[in-house]
Amino acid sequence: MTLTTPVEVVLPGKVEPEGLLIRHGAVPVAGPGQVVIRMEATGVSFAEQQMRRGRYYDQPPFPFVPGYDLVGTVLTAGEGVDPGLVGTRVAALVKVGGWASHVLVDAADVVPVPDGIGAAEAETLVVNGITAWQMLHRKARVRAGQTVVVHGANGGVGSVLVQLARAAGARVIGTASARHHDALRERGVVPVDYRTEDVAARIRELAPHGVAAVFDHVGGRGIVDSWRLLAPGGTLVSYGSASTRDAEGSKQWPVVKLLLRVWLWNALPNRRRACFFNVWAGRALARNRFRSRLRADLTEVFAALQRGELTAQIAAQLPLTRVAEALRLAESGTVAGKVVLTP
């Protein structure tokens, strides 16, 4: 199907993937300081899996257009925007609104995609790349020779994180189901099977003196094990609560519990540090600083891809109109990398 009229995907409420709606509309108009991007690639992140269950901690009220990030070409620019942006390929982190053929974005929020990087390739590295880079280099400050643990090492963020950590000279222990172990070994990662092994005991065997950093997107009870794996001076970076994706009750409570644990651990005199990573932290208070940091970090990620330190892991590529299939695939736990949607 070729798109002659703009298309967007609407999440009407708590629905199964097949309950997503396809809506046709008009091309948005760029206001002052804005651009309209003709989407070439967007993707399925863990956030959308939570949003369709009403479980993402600050999602907008239903109905809305999901889509955490996108890559595309600037179609039109509003007043006050450099007209040279029109026709250039850019990436944008938007939280919602990306699952559409035409997306309105503040021009200050777009990051140029270097020549030679395809739209789908770039898309796998927008939210996943920024998250991985900032956790590794800004939060944990991992250095060559250190050992780190990455939970979900085959996932969207995890697969980028292990590659960036290896490029930084770190030894990486990665948890994943057995089907992903060969691919992880090829990347120089020591795999641990979270389904059949006692993960904490196995990691202690591999790193008896503790590890410099643990990156944990799972949350729940397992976060205590992650904390206990740290060596003195080590950092726990918690960045989600995947274990509560299908839970009932408050969507805020799992995050609040994590934040309380982090606060308590940091209050103890134990020479270890914990933080809860939120890619949007600082945006409301210092928007210009947030934007410049995001631009710098995503530019670093794209440069790592160009140097061959990263491979863009596309799990599957499906048209926007087959979004239900794409979401089912992303939620299946059988794929490595990111499921990408194209117009």
C-alpha atoms as a PDB file:
ATOM      1  CA  MET A   1       0.000   0.000   0.000  1.00  0.00           C
ATOM      2  CA  THR A   2       1.440   3.414  -0.930  1.00  0.00           C
ATOM      3  CA  LEU A   3       0.430   6.326   1.234  1.00  0.00           C
ATOM      4  CA  THR A   4      -1.414   9.059  -0.646  1.00  0.00           C
ATOM      5  CA  THR A   5      -3.128  10.450   2.467  1.00  0.00           C
ATOM      6  CA  PRO A   6      -1.505  10.675   5.880  1.00  0.00           C
ATOM      7  CA  VAL A   7      -2.039   7.694   8.160  1.00  0.00           C
ATOM      8  CA  GLU A   8      -1.695   7.354  11.917  1.00  0.00           C
ATOM      9  CA  VAL A   9      -2.221   4.564  14.448  1.00  0.00           C
ATOM     10  CA  VAL A  10      -4.489   5.363  17.402  1.00  0.00           C
ATOM     11  CA  LEU A  11      -4.470   3.565  20.750  1.00  0.00           C
ATOM     12  CA  PRO A  12      -8.112   3.927  21.830  1.00  0.00           C
ATOM     13  CA  GLY A  13      -7.796   2.379  25.305  1.00  0.00           C
ATOM     14  CA  LYS A  14      -6.550  -0.802  26.978  1.00  0.00           C
ATOM     15  CA  VAL A  15      -6.780  -3.127  23.987  1.00  0.00           C
ATOM     16  CA  GLU A  16      -5.160  -6.171  22.450  1.00  0.00           C
ATOM     17  CA  PRO A  17      -2.837  -5.261  19.521  1.00  0.00           C
ATOM     18  CA  GLU A  18      -5.692  -5.955  17.085  1.00  0.00           C
ATOM     19  CA  GLY A  19      -7.684  -3.182  18.796  1.00  0.00           C
ATOM     20  CA  LEU A  20      -5.362  -0.445  17.473  1.00  0.00           C
ATOM     21  CA  LEU A  21      -7.113   1.853  14.983  1.00  0.00           C
ATOM     22  CA  ILE A  22      -5.791   3.100  11.634  1.00  0.00           C
ATOM     23  CA  ARG A  23      -6.895   6.677  11.007  1.00  0.00           C
ATOM     24  CA  HIS A  24      -6.509   8.812   7.868  1.00  0.00           C
ATOM     25  CA  GLY A  25      -6.106  12.562   8.121  1.00  0.00           C
ATOM     26  CA  ALA A  26      -4.472  15.668   6.716  1.00  0.00           C
ATOM     27  CA  VAL A  27      -0.777  16.631   6.589  1.00  0.00           C
ATOM     28  CA  PRO A  28      -0.078  18.761   9.693  1.00  0.00           C
ATOM     29  CA  VAL A  29       1.026  22.380   9.215  1.00  0.00           C
ATOM     30  CA  ALA A  30       4.339  23.520  10.715  1.00  0.00           C
ATOM     31  CA  GLY A  31       3.901  26.473  13.071  1.00  0.00           C
ATOM     32  CA  PRO A  32       6.687  28.802  14.255  1.00  0.00           C
ATOM     33  CA  GLY A  33       9.753  26.791  15.311  1.00  0.00           C
ATOM     34  CA  GLN A  34       8.279  23.520  14.048  1.00  0.00           C
ATOM     35  CA  VAL A  35       8.926  21.033  11.237  1.00  0.00           C
ATOM     36  CA  VAL A  36       6.785  18.348   9.641  1.00  0.00           C
ATOM     37  CA  ILE A  37       8.672  15.069   9.245  1.00  0.00           C
ATOM     38  CA  ARG A  38       7.631  12.529   6.637  1.00  0.00           C
ATOM     39  CA  MET A  39       8.211   9.360   8.663  1.00  0.00           C
ATOM     40  CA  GLU A  40      10.462   6.718   7.076  1.00  0.00           C
ATOM     41  CA  ALA A  41      10.862   4.495  10.142  1.00  0.00           C
ATOM     42  CA  THR A  42       9.418   4.295  13.634  1.00  0.00           C
ATOM     43  CA  GLY A  43       9.469   1.352  15.999  1.00  0.00           C
ATOM     44  CA  VAL A  44       7.959  -0.713  18.781  1.00  0.00           C
ATOM     45  CA  SER A  45       9.588   0.061  22.138  1.00  0.00           C
ATOM     46  CA  PHE A  46       8.820  -1.486  25.511  1.00  0.00           C
ATOM     47  CA  ALA A  47       6.972   1.754  26.340  1.00  0.00           C
ATOM     48  CA  GLU A  48       4.212   1.015  23.810  1.00  0.00           C
ATOM     49  CA  GLN A  49       3.816  -2.493  25.215  1.00  0.00           C
ATOM     50  CA  GLN A  50       3.144  -0.877  28.594  1.00  0.00           C
ATOM     51  CA  MET A  51       0.969   1.898  27.144  1.00  0.00           C
ATOM     52  CA  ARG A  52      -1.535  -0.466  25.533  1.00  0.00           C
ATOM     53  CA  ARG A  53      -2.027  -2.011  28.978  1.00  0.00           C
ATOM     54  CA  GLY A  54      -2.322   1.453  30.588  1.00  0.00           C
ATOM     55  CA  ARG A  55       0.907   0.661  32.493  1.00  0.00           C
ATOM     56  CA  TYR A  56       3.338   3.377  31.323  1.00  0.00           C
ATOM     57  CA  TYR A  57       3.815   5.674  34.284  1.00  0.00           C
ATOM     58  CA  ASP A  58       3.161   9.045  32.571  1.00  0.00           C
ATOM     59  CA  GLN A  59       1.276   8.161  29.398  1.00  0.00           C
ATOM     60  CA  PRO A  60      -1.365  10.613  28.136  1.00  0.00           C
ATOM     61  CA  PRO A  61      -5.088   9.846  28.494  1.00  0.00           C
ATOM     62  CA  PHE A  62      -6.624   7.589  25.822  1.00  0.00           C
ATOM     63  CA  PRO A  63      -7.060   7.908  22.873  1.00  0.00           C
ATOM     64  CA  PHE A  64      -3.640   8.929  21.534  1.00  0.00           C
ATOM     65  CA  VAL A  65      -1.098   8.105  18.832  1.00  0.00           C
ATOM     66  CA  PRO A  66       1.791   6.050  20.302  1.00  0.00           C
ATOM     67  CA  GLY A  67       5.324   5.939  18.902  1.00  0.00           C
ATOM     68  CA  TYR A  68       8.328   6.832  21.048  1.00  0.00           C
ATOM     69  CA  ASP A  69      10.743   7.876  18.294  1.00  0.00           C
ATOM     70  CA  LEU A  70      11.060   8.193  14.537  1.00  0.00           C
ATOM     71  CA  VAL A  71      13.374   8.855  11.618  1.00  0.00           C
ATOM     72  CA  GLY A  72      12.305  10.660   8.468  1.00  0.00           C
ATOM     73  CA  THR A  73      12.797  13.528   6.061  1.00  0.00           C
ATOM     74  CA  VAL A  74      11.820  17.116   6.875  1.00  0.00           C
ATOM     75  CA  LEU A  75       8.947  17.949   4.547  1.00  0.00           C
ATOM     76  CA  THR A  76       8.167  21.542   5.612  1.00  0.00           C
ATOM     77  CA  ALA A  77       9.569  24.051   8.096  1.00  0.00           C
ATOM     78  CA  GLY A  78       7.707  26.769   9.980  1.00  0.00           C
ATOM     79  CA  GLU A  79       8.611  30.374  10.602  1.00  0.00           C
ATOM     80  CA  GLY A  80      11.987  30.894  12.262  1.00  0.00           C
ATOM     81  CA  VAL A  81      13.354  27.483  11.238  1.00  0.00           C
ATOM     82  CA  ASP A  82      16.443  27.144   9.032  1.00  0.00           C
ATOM     83  CA  PRO A  83      14.974  26.406   5.560  1.00  0.00           C
ATOM     84  CA  GLY A  84      18.071  24.254   4.892  1.00  0.00           C
ATOM     85  CA  LEU A  85      16.501  21.588   7.138  1.00  0.00           C
ATOM     86  CA  VAL A  86      13.882  20.811   4.478  1.00  0.00           C
ATOM     87  CA  GLY A  87      14.856  17.642   2.627  1.00  0.00           C
ATOM     88  CA  THR A  88      17.283  16.422   5.314  1.00  0.00           C
ATOM     89  CA  ARG A  89      16.944  13.113   7.153  1.00  0.00           C
ATOM     90  CA  VAL A  90      16.520  13.561  10.899  1.00  0.00           C
ATOM     91  CA  ALA A  91      15.753  11.550  14.029  1.00  0.00           C
ATOM     92  CA  ALA A  92      13.471  12.647  16.874  1.00  0.00           C
ATOM     93  CA  LEU A  93      12.576  11.373  20.329  1.00  0.00           C
ATOM     94  CA  VAL A  94       8.903  12.206  20.896  1.00  0.00           C
ATOM     95  CA  LYS A  95       7.493   9.758  23.536  1.00  0.00           C
ATOM     96  CA  VAL A  96       4.131   9.668  21.693  1.00  0.00           C
ATOM     97  CA  GLY A  97       3.015  10.505  18.156  1.00  0.00           C
ATOM     98  CA  GLY A  98       5.630   8.599  16.141  1.00  0.00           C
ATOM     99  CA  TRP A  99       3.285   5.955  14.695  1.00  0.00           C
ATOM    100  CA  ALA A 100       2.174   8.259  11.903  1.00  0.00           C
ATOM    101  CA  SER A 101       3.208   8.936   8.314  1.00  0.00           C
ATOM    102  CA  HIS A 102       3.585  12.699   9.029  1.00  0.00           C
ATOM    103  CA  VAL A 103       4.710  14.015  12.420  1.00  0.00           C
ATOM    104  CA  LEU A 104       4.875  17.583  13.754  1.00  0.00           C
ATOM    105  CA  VAL A 105       8.007  18.182  15.874  1.00  0.00           C
ATOM    106  CA  ASP A 106       9.816  21.203  17.352  1.00  0.00           C
ATOM    107  CA  ALA A 107      12.789  21.882  15.077  1.00  0.00           C
ATOM    108  CA  ALA A 108      15.052  22.117  18.151  1.00  0.00           C
ATOM    109  CA  ASP A 109      14.276  18.450  18.926  1.00  0.00           C
ATOM    110  CA  VAL A 110      15.509  16.934  15.649  1.00  0.00           C
ATOM    111  CA  VAL A 111      18.968  15.408  15.247  1.00  0.00           C
ATOM    112  CA  PRO A 112      20.516  15.031  11.765  1.00  0.00           C
ATOM    113  CA  VAL A 113      21.141  11.460  10.611  1.00  0.00           C
ATOM    114  CA  PRO A 114      24.554  11.151   8.891  1.00  0.00           C
ATOM    115  CA  ASP A 115      24.688  10.211   5.217  1.00  0.00           C
ATOM    116  CA  GLY A 116      25.075   6.497   4.652  1.00  0.00           C
ATOM    117  CA  ILE A 117      22.848   5.435   7.565  1.00  0.00           C
ATOM    118  CA  GLY A 118      19.479   4.048   6.446  1.00  0.00           C
ATOM    119  CA  ALA A 119      16.238   5.134   8.099  1.00  0.00           C
ATOM    120  CA  ALA A 120      15.481   1.708   9.635  1.00  0.00           C
ATOM    121  CA  GLU A 121      19.068   1.365  10.873  1.00  0.00           C
ATOM    122  CA  ALA A 122      18.952   4.803  12.482  1.00  0.00           C
ATOM    123  CA  GLU A 123      15.549   4.089  14.036  1.00  0.00           C
ATOM    124  CA  THR A 124      16.906   1.103  16.010  1.00  0.00           C
ATOM    125  CA  LEU A 125      19.332   3.504  17.714  1.00  0.00           C
ATOM    126  CA  VAL A 126      17.206   6.527  18.660  1.00  0.00           C
ATOM    127  CA  VAL A 127      15.586   5.821  22.048  1.00  0.00           C
ATOM    128  CA  ASN A 128      17.633   2.620  22.515  1.00  0.00           C
ATOM    129  CA  GLY A 129      20.919   4.314  21.614  1.00  0.00           C
ATOM    130  CA  ILE A 130      20.373   7.451  23.706  1.00  0.00           C
ATOM    131  CA  THR A 131      19.268   5.323  26.686  1.00  0.00           C
ATOM    132  CA  ALA A 132      22.246   2.951  26.406  1.00  0.00           C
ATOM    133  CA  TRP A 133      24.813   5.734  25.854  1.00  0.00           C
ATOM    134  CA  GLN A 134      23.602   7.908  28.728  1.00  0.00           C
ATOM    135  CA  MET A 135      23.349   5.003  31.188  1.00  0.00           C
ATOM    136  CA  LEU A 136      26.809   3.708  30.284  1.00  0.00           C
ATOM    137  CA  HIS A 137      28.734   6.984  29.999  1.00  0.00           C
ATOM    138  CA  ARG A 138      26.773   9.564  31.990  1.00  0.00           C
ATOM    139  CA  LYS A 139      25.394   7.439  34.869  1.00  0.00           C
ATOM    140  CA  ALA A 140      27.717   4.441  35.413  1.00  0.00           C
ATOM    141  CA  ARG A 141      30.799   6.025  33.745  1.00  0.00           C
ATOM    142  CA  VAL A 142      32.086   2.587  32.775  1.00  0.00           C
ATOM    143  CA  ARG A 143      35.797   2.356  31.966  1.00  0.00           C
ATOM    144  CA  ALA A 144      38.012  -0.150  30.159  1.00  0.00           C
ATOM    145  CA  GLY A 145      38.794  -3.276  32.177  1.00  0.00           C
ATOM    146  CA  GLN A 146      35.657  -3.133  34.325  1.00  0.00           C
ATOM    147  CA  THR A 147      33.011  -5.889  34.408  1.00  0.00           C
ATOM    148  CA  VAL A 148      29.354  -4.991  33.902  1.00  0.00           C
ATOM    149  CA  VAL A 149      26.083  -6.940  33.889  1.00  0.00           C
ATOM    150  CA  VAL A 150      23.392  -6.231  31.287  1.00  0.00           C
ATOM    151  CA  HIS A 151      19.998  -7.841  31.910  1.00  0.00           C
ATOM    152  CA  GLY A 152      18.060  -8.581  28.720  1.00  0.00           C
ATOM    153  CA  ALA A 153      21.240  -8.433  26.644  1.00  0.00           C
ATOM    154  CA  ASN A 154      19.371  -9.364  23.452  1.00  0.00           C
ATOM    155  CA  GLY A 155      16.668  -6.701  23.825  1.00  0.00           C
ATOM    156  CA  GLY A 156      16.341  -3.310  22.177  1.00  0.00           C
ATOM    157  CA  VAL A 157      18.356  -1.343  24.748  1.00  0.00           C
ATOM    158  CA  GLY A 158      20.351  -4.348  25.955  1.00  0.00           C
ATOM    159  CA  SER A 159      21.755  -5.224  22.517  1.00  0.00           C
ATOM    160  CA  VAL A 160      23.013  -1.637  22.058  1.00  0.00           C
ATOM    161  CA  LEU A 161      24.322  -1.474  25.618  1.00  0.00           C
ATOM    162  CA  VAL A 162      26.473  -4.606  25.312  1.00  0.00           C
ATOM    163  CA  GLN A 163      28.060  -3.326  22.094  1.00  0.00           C
ATOM    164  CA  LEU A 164      28.808   0.133  23.527  1.00  0.00           C
ATOM    165  CA  ALA A 165      30.217  -1.444  26.704  1.00  0.00           C
ATOM    166  CA  ARG A 166      32.480  -3.747  24.670  1.00  0.00           C
ATOM    167  CA  ALA A 167      33.603  -0.768  22.564  1.00  0.00           C
ATOM    168  CA  ALA A 168      34.504   1.007  25.836  1.00  0.00           C
ATOM    169  CA  GLY A 169      36.724  -1.966  26.766  1.00  0.00           C
ATOM    170  CA  ALA A 170      34.461  -3.478  29.439  1.00  0.00           C
ATOM    171  CA  ARG A 171      33.901  -7.173  30.105  1.00  0.00           C
ATOM    172  CA  VAL A 172      30.175  -7.857  29.714  1.00  0.00           C
ATOM    173  CA  ILE A 173      28.022 -10.530  31.359  1.00  0.00           C
ATOM    174  CA  GLY A 174      24.597 -10.606  29.697  1.00  0.00           C
ATOM    175  CA  THR A 175      21.397 -12.379  30.705  1.00  0.00           C
ATOM    176  CA  ALA A 176      19.207 -13.813  27.942  1.00  0.00           C
ATOM    177  CA  SER A 177      17.379 -17.008  27.074  1.00  0.00           C
ATOM    178  CA  ALA A 178      19.515 -19.787  25.565  1.00  0.00           C
ATOM    179  CA  ARG A 179      18.454 -19.129  21.950  1.00  0.00           C
ATOM    180  CA  HIS A 180      20.367 -15.811  22.014  1.00  0.00           C
ATOM    181  CA  HIS A 181      23.607 -17.100  23.576  1.00  0.00           C
ATOM    182  CA  ASP A 182      25.535 -17.811  20.374  1.00  0.00           C
ATOM    183  CA  ALA A 183      24.864 -14.293  19.067  1.00  0.00           C
ATOM    184  CA  LEU A 184      25.976 -12.824  22.408  1.00  0.00           C
ATOM    185  CA  ARG A 185      29.198 -14.868  22.416  1.00  0.00           C
ATOM    186  CA  GLU A 186      29.981 -13.541  18.935  1.00  0.00           C
ATOM    187  CA  ARG A 187      29.809 -10.043  20.459  1.00  0.00           C
ATOM    188  CA  GLY A 188      32.263 -11.021  23.195  1.00  0.00           C
ATOM    189  CA  VAL A 189      29.540 -11.259  25.865  1.00  0.00           C
ATOM    190  CA  VAL A 190      29.500 -13.968  28.558  1.00  0.00           C
ATOM    191  CA  PRO A 191      25.862 -15.209  28.475  1.00  0.00           C
ATOM    192  CA  VAL A 192      23.801 -16.351  31.469  1.00  0.00           C
ATOM    193  CA  ASP A 193      20.435 -18.085  30.987  1.00  0.00           C
ATOM    194  CA  TYR A 194      17.896 -16.334  33.214  1.00  0.00           C
ATOM    195  CA  ARG A 195      15.368 -19.132  32.631  1.00  0.00           C
ATOM    196  CA  THR A 196      17.416 -22.135  33.755  1.00  0.00           C
ATOM    197  CA  GLU A 197      20.251 -20.747  35.898  1.00  0.00           C
ATOM    198  CA  ASP A 198      20.412 -19.095  39.298  1.00  0.00           C
ATOM    199  CA  VAL A 199      21.435 -15.784  37.764  1.00  0.00           C
ATOM    200  CA  ALA A 200      22.898 -14.134  40.873  1.00  0.00           C
ATOM    201  CA  ALA A 201      24.906 -17.242  41.845  1.00  0.00           C
ATOM    202  CA  ARG A 202      26.252 -17.673  38.313  1.00  0.00           C
ATOM    203  CA  ILE A 203      27.309 -14.015  38.065  1.00  0.00           C
ATOM    204  CA  ARG A 204      29.081 -14.297  41.446  1.00  0.00           C
ATOM    205  CA  GLU A 205      31.024 -17.271  40.025  1.00  0.00           C
ATOM    206  CA  LEU A 206      32.009 -15.175  37.001  1.00  0.00           C
ATOM    207  CA  ALA A 207      32.795 -12.037  39.050  1.00  0.00           C
ATOM    208  CA  PRO A 208      33.571 -13.106  42.639  1.00  0.00           C
ATOM    209  CA  HIS A 209      34.633  -9.594  43.689  1.00  0.00           C
ATOM    210  CA  GLY A 210      31.483  -7.965  42.348  1.00  0.00           C
ATOM    211  CA  VAL A 211      30.859  -5.876  39.235  1.00  0.00           C
ATOM    212  CA  ALA A 212      31.289  -2.191  38.390  1.00  0.00           C
ATOM    213  CA  ALA A 213      27.753  -1.741  37.051  1.00  0.00           C
ATOM    214  CA  VAL A 214      24.452  -3.563  36.647  1.00  0.00           C
ATOM    215  CA  PHE A 215      21.883  -2.353  34.100  1.00  0.00           C
ATOM    216  CA  ASP A 216      18.444  -3.626  35.137  1.00  0.00           C
ATOM    217  CA  HIS A 217      15.216  -3.033  33.206  1.00  0.00           C
ATOM    218  CA  VAL A 218      13.333  -5.815  35.002  1.00  0.00           C
ATOM    219  CA  GLY A 219      12.669  -4.236  38.401  1.00  0.00           C
ATOM    220  CA  GLY A 220      10.527  -6.183  40.869  1.00  0.00           C
ATOM    221  CA  ARG A 221      12.181  -8.413  43.465  1.00  0.00           C
ATOM    222  CA  GLY A 222      15.191  -9.131  41.265  1.00  0.00           C
ATOM    223  CA  ILE A 223      16.460  -5.559  41.713  1.00  0.00           C
ATOM    224  CA  VAL A 224      17.757  -6.560  45.180  1.00  0.00           C
ATOM    225  CA  ASP A 225      19.950  -9.263  43.583  1.00  0.00           C
ATOM    226  CA  SER A 226      21.246  -6.673  41.111  1.00  0.00           C
ATOM    227  CA  TRP A 227      22.222  -4.359  43.997  1.00  0.00           C
ATOM    228  CA  ARG A 228      24.022  -7.182  45.831  1.00  0.00           C
ATOM    229  CA  LEU A 229      26.158  -7.971  42.769  1.00  0.00           C
ATOM    230  CA  LEU A 230      27.899  -4.577  42.921  1.00  0.00           C
ATOM    231  CA  ALA A 231      31.527  -4.241  43.968  1.00  0.00           C
ATOM    232  CA  PRO A 232      32.436  -1.305  46.244  1.00  0.00           C
ATOM    233  CA  GLY A 233      32.242   1.832  44.088  1.00  0.00           C
ATOM    234  CA  GLY A 234      29.783   0.119  41.734  1.00  0.00           C
ATOM    235  CA  THR A 235      26.602   1.580  40.226  1.00  0.00           C
ATOM    236  CA  LEU A 236      23.169   0.024  39.765  1.00  0.00           C
ATOM    237  CA  VAL A 237      21.245   1.639  36.907  1.00  0.00           C
ATOM    238  CA  SER A 238      17.565   0.720  37.046  1.00  0.00           C
ATOM    239  CA  TYR A 239      15.640   1.785  33.966  1.00  0.00           C
ATOM    240  CA  GLY A 240      12.285   0.052  34.031  1.00  0.00           C
ATOM    241  CA  SER A 241       9.938  -2.431  35.632  1.00  0.00           C
ATOM    242  CA  ALA A 242       9.423  -5.026  32.886  1.00  0.00           C
ATOM    243  CA  SER A 243       8.485  -7.641  35.478  1.00  0.00           C
ATOM    244  CA  THR A 244       5.275  -5.699  36.220  1.00  0.00           C
ATOM    245  CA  ARG A 245       4.201  -5.226  32.580  1.00  0.00           C
ATOM    246  CA  ASP A 246       1.198  -7.539  32.944  1.00  0.00           C
ATOM    247  CA  ALA A 247       0.397  -6.657  36.571  1.00  0.00           C
ATOM    248  CA  GLU A 248      -2.873  -5.105  37.677  1.00  0.00           C
ATOM    249  CA  GLY A 249      -3.266  -2.085  39.949  1.00  0.00           C
ATOM    250  CA  SER A 250      -1.409   1.209  40.029  1.00  0.00           C
ATOM    251  CA  LYS A 251       0.962   1.872  37.154  1.00  0.00           C
ATOM    252  CA  GLN A 252       2.908   4.354  39.306  1.00  0.00           C
ATOM    253  CA  TRP A 253       3.505   2.071  42.288  1.00  0.00           C
ATOM    254  CA  PRO A 254       6.234  -0.169  40.707  1.00  0.00           C
ATOM    255  CA  VAL A 255       8.215   2.966  39.773  1.00  0.00           C
ATOM    256  CA  VAL A 256       7.622   4.616  43.170  1.00  0.00           C
ATOM    257  CA  LYS A 257       8.855   1.422  44.890  1.00  0.00           C
ATOM    258  CA  LEU A 258      11.997   1.464  42.736  1.00  0.00           C
ATOM    259  CA  LEU A 259      12.627   5.126  43.524  1.00  0.00           C
ATOM    260  CA  LEU A 260      12.194   4.477  47.266  1.00  0.00           C
ATOM    261  CA  ARG A 261      14.678   1.592  47.120  1.00  0.00           C
ATOM    262  CA  VAL A 262      17.164   3.758  45.202  1.00  0.00           C
ATOM    263  CA  TRP A 263      16.793   6.567  47.746  1.00  0.00           C
ATOM    264  CA  LEU A 264      17.279   4.154  50.665  1.00  0.00           C
ATOM    265  CA  TRP A 265      20.327   2.452  49.139  1.00  0.00           C
ATOM    266  CA  ASN A 266      21.965   5.800  48.406  1.00  0.00           C
ATOM    267  CA  ALA A 267      21.337   6.921  52.004  1.00  0.00           C
ATOM    268  CA  LEU A 268      23.304   3.947  53.363  1.00  0.00           C
ATOM    269  CA  PRO A 269      27.092   4.266  53.863  1.00  0.00           C
ATOM    270  CA  ASN A 270      27.965   1.326  51.616  1.00  0.00           C
ATOM    271  CA  ARG A 271      30.224   2.813  48.896  1.00  0.00           C
ATOM    272  CA  ARG A 272      27.756   1.792  46.200  1.00  0.00           C
ATOM    273  CA  ARG A 273      25.359   3.910  44.171  1.00  0.00           C
ATOM    274  CA  ALA A 274      21.940   3.349  42.625  1.00  0.00           C
ATOM    275  CA  CYS A 275      19.978   5.478  40.173  1.00  0.00           C
ATOM    276  CA  PHE A 276      16.712   5.243  38.298  1.00  0.00           C
ATOM    277  CA  PHE A 277      17.316   6.298  34.714  1.00  0.00           C
ATOM    278  CA  ASN A 278      14.642   8.284  32.899  1.00  0.00           C
ATOM    279  CA  VAL A 279      15.590   9.470  29.410  1.00  0.00           C
ATOM    280  CA  TRP A 280      13.328  12.547  29.903  1.00  0.00           C
ATOM    281  CA  ALA A 281      14.919  13.685  33.183  1.00  0.00           C
ATOM    282  CA  GLY A 282      15.781  17.389  33.135  1.00  0.00           C
ATOM    283  CA  ARG A 283      13.622  18.250  30.118  1.00  0.00           C
ATOM    284  CA  ALA A 284      11.051  20.288  32.044  1.00  0.00           C
ATOM    285  CA  LEU A 285      13.604  22.281  34.057  1.00  0.00           C
ATOM    286  CA  ALA A 286      16.376  22.870  31.512  1.00  0.00           C
ATOM    287  CA  ARG A 287      15.027  22.204  28.041  1.00  0.00           C
ATOM    288  CA  ASN A 288      17.978  23.664  26.102  1.00  0.00           C
ATOM    289  CA  ARG A 289      20.514  21.683  28.135  1.00  0.00           C
ATOM    290  CA  PHE A 290      18.398  18.526  27.697  1.00  0.00           C
ATOM    291  CA  ARG A 291      18.260  19.058  23.931  1.00  0.00           C
ATOM    292  CA  SER A 292      21.985  19.723  23.512  1.00  0.00           C
ATOM    293  CA  ARG A 293      22.892  16.656  25.571  1.00  0.00           C
ATOM    294  CA  LEU A 294      20.482  14.453  23.610  1.00  0.00           C
ATOM    295  CA  ARG A 295      21.853  15.761  20.302  1.00  0.00           C
ATOM    296  CA  ALA A 296      25.459  15.189  21.430  1.00  0.00           C
ATOM    297  CA  ASP A 297      24.764  11.661  22.672  1.00  0.00           C
ATOM    298  CA  LEU A 298      22.754  10.493  19.648  1.00  0.00           C
ATOM    299  CA  THR A 299      25.477  11.939  17.390  1.00  0.00           C
ATOM    300  CA  GLU A 300      28.008   9.801  19.326  1.00  0.00           C
ATOM    301  CA  VAL A 301      25.823   6.724  18.844  1.00  0.00           C
ATOM    302  CA  PHE A 302      25.561   7.310  15.084  1.00  0.00           C
ATOM    303  CA  ALA A 303      29.358   7.794  14.949  1.00  0.00           C
ATOM    304  CA  ALA A 304      29.837   4.437  16.753  1.00  0.00           C
ATOM    305  CA  LEU A 305      27.606   2.818  14.110  1.00  0.00           C
ATOM    306  CA  GLN A 306      29.710   4.363  11.326  1.00  0.00           C
ATOM    307  CA  ARG A 307      32.927   3.107  12.978  1.00  0.00           C
ATOM    308  CA  GLY A 308      31.522  -0.424  13.090  1.00  0.00           C
ATOM    309  CA  GLU A 309      31.391  -0.550  16.902  1.00  0.00           C
ATOM    310  CA  LEU A 310      27.612  -0.954  16.701  1.00  0.00           C
ATOM    311  CA  THR A 311      25.386  -2.921  14.387  1.00  0.00           C
ATOM    312  CA  ALA A 312      21.806  -1.792  13.929  1.00  0.00           C
ATOM    313  CA  GLN A 313      19.761  -4.795  14.961  1.00  0.00           C
ATOM    314  CA  ILE A 314      16.485  -4.814  13.014  1.00  0.00           C
ATOM    315  CA  ALA A 315      14.349  -7.681  14.311  1.00  0.00           C
ATOM    316  CA  ALA A 316      11.703  -7.199  11.603  1.00  0.00           C
ATOM    317  CA  GLN A 317      10.362  -4.490   9.315  1.00  0.00           C
ATOM    318  CA  LEU A 318       6.603  -4.133   8.796  1.00  0.00           C
ATOM    319  CA  PRO A 319       4.351  -1.426   7.317  1.00  0.00           C
ATOM    320  CA  LEU A 320       2.476   0.866   9.714  1.00  0.00           C
ATOM    321  CA  THR A 321      -0.829  -0.712   8.670  1.00  0.00           C
ATOM    322  CA  ARG A 322       0.377  -4.066  10.091  1.00  0.00           C
ATOM    323  CA  VAL A 323       1.107  -2.531  13.508  1.00  0.00           C
ATOM    324  CA  ALA A 324      -0.862  -5.231  15.404  1.00  0.00           C
ATOM    325  CA  GLU A 325       1.409  -7.918  13.962  1.00  0.00           C
ATOM    326  CA  ALA A 326       4.488  -5.824  14.776  1.00  0.00           C
ATOM    327  CA  LEU A 327       3.386  -5.309  18.381  1.00  0.00           C
ATOM    328  CA  ARG A 328       2.621  -9.023  18.841  1.00  0.00           C
ATOM    329  CA  LEU A 329       6.076  -9.867  17.480  1.00  0.00           C
ATOM    330  CA  ALA A 330       7.833  -7.363  19.754  1.00  0.00           C
ATOM    331  CA  GLU A 331       5.937  -8.726  22.775  1.00  0.00           C
ATOM    332  CA  SER A 332       6.672 -12.378  21.935  1.00  0.00           C
ATOM    333  CA  GLY A 333      10.141 -12.346  23.474  1.00  0.00           C
ATOM    334  CA  THR A 334      11.439 -14.318  20.479  1.00  0.00           C
ATOM    335  CA  VAL A 335      13.179 -11.528  18.566  1.00  0.00           C
ATOM    336  CA  ALA A 336      16.549  -9.843  18.965  1.00  0.00           C
ATOM    337  CA  GLY A 337      16.784  -6.103  18.304  1.00  0.00           C
ATOM    338  CA  LYS A 338      13.965  -3.752  17.356  1.00  0.00           C
ATOM    339  CA  VAL A 339      10.770  -4.234  15.381  1.00  0.00           C
ATOM    340  CA  VAL A 340      10.622  -1.336  12.904  1.00  0.00           C
ATOM    341  CA  LEU A 341       7.517   0.155  11.298  1.00  0.00           C
ATOM    342  CA  THR A 342       7.681   1.877   7.922  1.00  0.00           C
ATOM    343  CA  PRO A 343       5.003   3.814   5.980  1.00  0.00           C
END
